[in-house]
């Protein structure tokens, strides 16, 4: 599986905005399927993937997102490859592959 990951593309402007907004941890729903794990993160107000930063760390995944009045941050303590992600109606859906 080739890992598909969006680079951490926050501009200085977005980093500054992130620092000034109220921080909130998104409500998370996890589903495990036979060959993948699906993470659903509720981030109301986040309009596009341009407002989302997904960073793969050594043994976790860091997610930051900006809405108009909130900054969402979440660390997922899991070391699985990200196979897909999308943003739909304020929900970030991360698909993680399971190592066999």
C-alpha atoms as a PDB file:
ATOM      1  CA  UNK A   1       0.000   0.000   0.000  1.00  0.00           C
ATOM      2  CA  UNK A   2       1.422   3.330  -1.006  1.00  0.00           C
ATOM      3  CA  UNK A   3       0.850   5.821   1.752  1.00  0.00           C
ATOM      4  CA  UNK A   4      -1.258   8.769   0.688  1.00  0.00           C
ATOM      5  CA  UNK A   5      -0.786  11.679   3.048  1.00  0.00           C
ATOM      6  CA  UNK A   6      -1.452  15.344   2.792  1.00  0.00           C
ATOM      7  CA  UNK A   7       1.650  17.281   3.751  1.00  0.00           C
ATOM      8  CA  UNK A   8       1.516  19.630   6.713  1.00  0.00           C
ATOM      9  CA  UNK A   9       0.708  22.701   4.645  1.00  0.00           C
ATOM     10  CA  UNK A  10      -0.342  25.279   7.192  1.00  0.00           C
ATOM     11  CA  UNK A  11       0.869  28.714   6.204  1.00  0.00           C
ATOM     12  CA  UNK A  12       2.313  31.097   8.791  1.00  0.00           C
ATOM     13  CA  UNK A  13      -1.014  32.892   8.705  1.00  0.00           C
ATOM     14  CA  UNK A  14      -2.907  29.693   9.584  1.00  0.00           C
ATOM     15  CA  UNK A  15      -0.417  28.798  12.328  1.00  0.00           C
ATOM     16  CA  UNK A  16      -0.964  32.262  13.823  1.00  0.00           C
ATOM     17  CA  UNK A  17      -4.740  31.842  13.596  1.00  0.00           C
ATOM     18  CA  UNK A  18      -4.485  28.397  15.233  1.00  0.00           C
ATOM     19  CA  UNK A  19      -2.614  29.923  18.186  1.00  0.00           C
ATOM     20  CA  UNK A  20      -5.337  32.504  18.802  1.00  0.00           C
ATOM     21  CA  UNK A  21      -8.439  30.320  18.571  1.00  0.00           C
ATOM     22  CA  UNK A  22     -10.168  28.333  21.305  1.00  0.00           C
ATOM     23  CA  UNK A  23      -8.799  24.787  21.169  1.00  0.00           C
ATOM     24  CA  UNK A  24     -11.147  21.864  21.156  1.00  0.00           C
ATOM     25  CA  UNK A  25     -10.653  18.124  20.805  1.00  0.00           C
ATOM     26  CA  UNK A  26     -12.988  16.728  18.138  1.00  0.00           C
ATOM     27  CA  UNK A  27     -15.488  14.031  19.026  1.00  0.00           C
ATOM     28  CA  UNK A  28     -14.086  10.814  17.575  1.00  0.00           C
ATOM     29  CA  UNK A  29     -15.749   7.660  16.362  1.00  0.00           C
ATOM     30  CA  UNK A  30     -13.582   4.614  15.575  1.00  0.00           C
ATOM     31  CA  UNK A  31     -14.651   1.626  13.497  1.00  0.00           C
ATOM     32  CA  UNK A  32     -12.533  -1.387  12.800  1.00  0.00           C
ATOM     33  CA  UNK A  33     -13.184  -3.301   9.603  1.00  0.00           C
ATOM     34  CA  UNK A  34     -11.401  -6.469   8.543  1.00  0.00           C
ATOM     35  CA  UNK A  35      -8.634  -4.699   6.627  1.00  0.00           C
ATOM     36  CA  UNK A  36      -8.732  -1.106   7.923  1.00  0.00           C
ATOM     37  CA  UNK A  37      -9.535   1.219  10.787  1.00  0.00           C
ATOM     38  CA  UNK A  38     -11.813   4.203  10.147  1.00  0.00           C
ATOM     39  CA  UNK A  39     -11.477   7.306  12.313  1.00  0.00           C
ATOM     40  CA  UNK A  40     -14.296   9.852  12.081  1.00  0.00           C
ATOM     41  CA  UNK A  41     -13.490  13.196  13.666  1.00  0.00           C
ATOM     42  CA  UNK A  42     -16.320  15.682  14.073  1.00  0.00           C
ATOM     43  CA  UNK A  43     -15.086  19.175  13.288  1.00  0.00           C
ATOM     44  CA  UNK A  44     -18.093  21.405  12.671  1.00  0.00           C
ATOM     45  CA  UNK A  45     -17.240  24.519  10.673  1.00  0.00           C
ATOM     46  CA  UNK A  46     -14.130  23.100   8.987  1.00  0.00           C
ATOM     47  CA  UNK A  47     -14.898  23.793   5.335  1.00  0.00           C
ATOM     48  CA  UNK A  48     -12.044  22.334   3.298  1.00  0.00           C
ATOM     49  CA  UNK A  49      -8.968  20.117   3.447  1.00  0.00           C
ATOM     50  CA  UNK A  50      -6.921  23.315   3.116  1.00  0.00           C
ATOM     51  CA  UNK A  51      -7.905  24.013   6.735  1.00  0.00           C
ATOM     52  CA  UNK A  52      -6.699  20.574   7.879  1.00  0.00           C
ATOM     53  CA  UNK A  53      -3.153  19.501   8.704  1.00  0.00           C
ATOM     54  CA  UNK A  54      -2.377  15.782   9.030  1.00  0.00           C
ATOM     55  CA  UNK A  55       1.113  15.015  10.307  1.00  0.00           C
ATOM     56  CA  UNK A  56       2.462  11.496  10.666  1.00  0.00           C
ATOM     57  CA  UNK A  57       4.708  11.382  13.712  1.00  0.00           C
ATOM     58  CA  UNK A  58       6.942   8.515  14.797  1.00  0.00           C
ATOM     59  CA  UNK A  59       4.213   6.530  16.575  1.00  0.00           C
ATOM     60  CA  UNK A  60       1.102   8.664  16.195  1.00  0.00           C
ATOM     61  CA  UNK A  61      -0.851  10.917  13.867  1.00  0.00           C
ATOM     62  CA  UNK A  62      -1.388  14.587  14.685  1.00  0.00           C
ATOM     63  CA  UNK A  63      -4.425  16.336  13.268  1.00  0.00           C
ATOM     64  CA  UNK A  64      -5.067  20.067  13.394  1.00  0.00           C
ATOM     65  CA  UNK A  65      -8.010  21.828  11.789  1.00  0.00           C
ATOM     66  CA  UNK A  66      -9.350  25.360  11.679  1.00  0.00           C
ATOM     67  CA  UNK A  67     -12.928  26.539  11.616  1.00  0.00           C
ATOM     68  CA  UNK A  68     -14.005  30.172  11.815  1.00  0.00           C
ATOM     69  CA  UNK A  69     -13.951  30.313  15.618  1.00  0.00           C
ATOM     70  CA  UNK A  70     -12.293  27.078  16.833  1.00  0.00           C
ATOM     71  CA  UNK A  71      -9.065  25.155  16.427  1.00  0.00           C
ATOM     72  CA  UNK A  72      -9.380  21.387  16.606  1.00  0.00           C
ATOM     73  CA  UNK A  73      -6.410  19.277  17.637  1.00  0.00           C
ATOM     74  CA  UNK A  74      -6.183  15.540  18.057  1.00  0.00           C
ATOM     75  CA  UNK A  75      -3.336  13.087  18.503  1.00  0.00           C
ATOM     76  CA  UNK A  76      -4.188   9.540  17.470  1.00  0.00           C
ATOM     77  CA  UNK A  77      -1.765   7.231  19.284  1.00  0.00           C
ATOM     78  CA  UNK A  78      -1.556   4.671  16.531  1.00  0.00           C
ATOM     79  CA  UNK A  79       1.179   3.743  14.102  1.00  0.00           C
ATOM     80  CA  UNK A  80      -0.727   2.641  11.000  1.00  0.00           C
ATOM     81  CA  UNK A  81      -0.368   3.913   7.439  1.00  0.00           C
ATOM     82  CA  UNK A  82      -2.943   6.463   6.275  1.00  0.00           C
ATOM     83  CA  UNK A  83      -4.502   5.009   3.128  1.00  0.00           C
ATOM     84  CA  UNK A  84      -7.188   7.635   2.520  1.00  0.00           C
ATOM     85  CA  UNK A  85      -8.900  10.671   4.034  1.00  0.00           C
ATOM     86  CA  UNK A  86     -11.651  13.082   3.158  1.00  0.00           C
ATOM     87  CA  UNK A  87     -13.685  15.899   4.640  1.00  0.00           C
ATOM     88  CA  UNK A  88     -17.427  15.886   4.318  1.00  0.00           C
ATOM     89  CA  UNK A  89     -19.982  18.026   6.173  1.00  0.00           C
ATOM     90  CA  UNK A  90     -17.620  18.900   9.002  1.00  0.00           C
ATOM     91  CA  UNK A  91     -16.376  15.329   9.453  1.00  0.00           C
ATOM     92  CA  UNK A  92     -12.815  14.293   8.718  1.00  0.00           C
ATOM     93  CA  UNK A  93     -12.672  10.621   7.810  1.00  0.00           C
ATOM     94  CA  UNK A  94      -9.282   8.952   8.061  1.00  0.00           C
ATOM     95  CA  UNK A  95      -8.753   5.468   6.693  1.00  0.00           C
ATOM     96  CA  UNK A  96      -5.836   3.577   8.210  1.00  0.00           C
ATOM     97  CA  UNK A  97      -4.485   0.364   6.746  1.00  0.00           C
ATOM     98  CA  UNK A  98      -3.839  -2.608   8.993  1.00  0.00           C
ATOM     99  CA  UNK A  99      -0.386  -4.150   8.798  1.00  0.00           C
ATOM    100  CA  UNK A 100      -0.583  -7.862   8.166  1.00  0.00           C
END
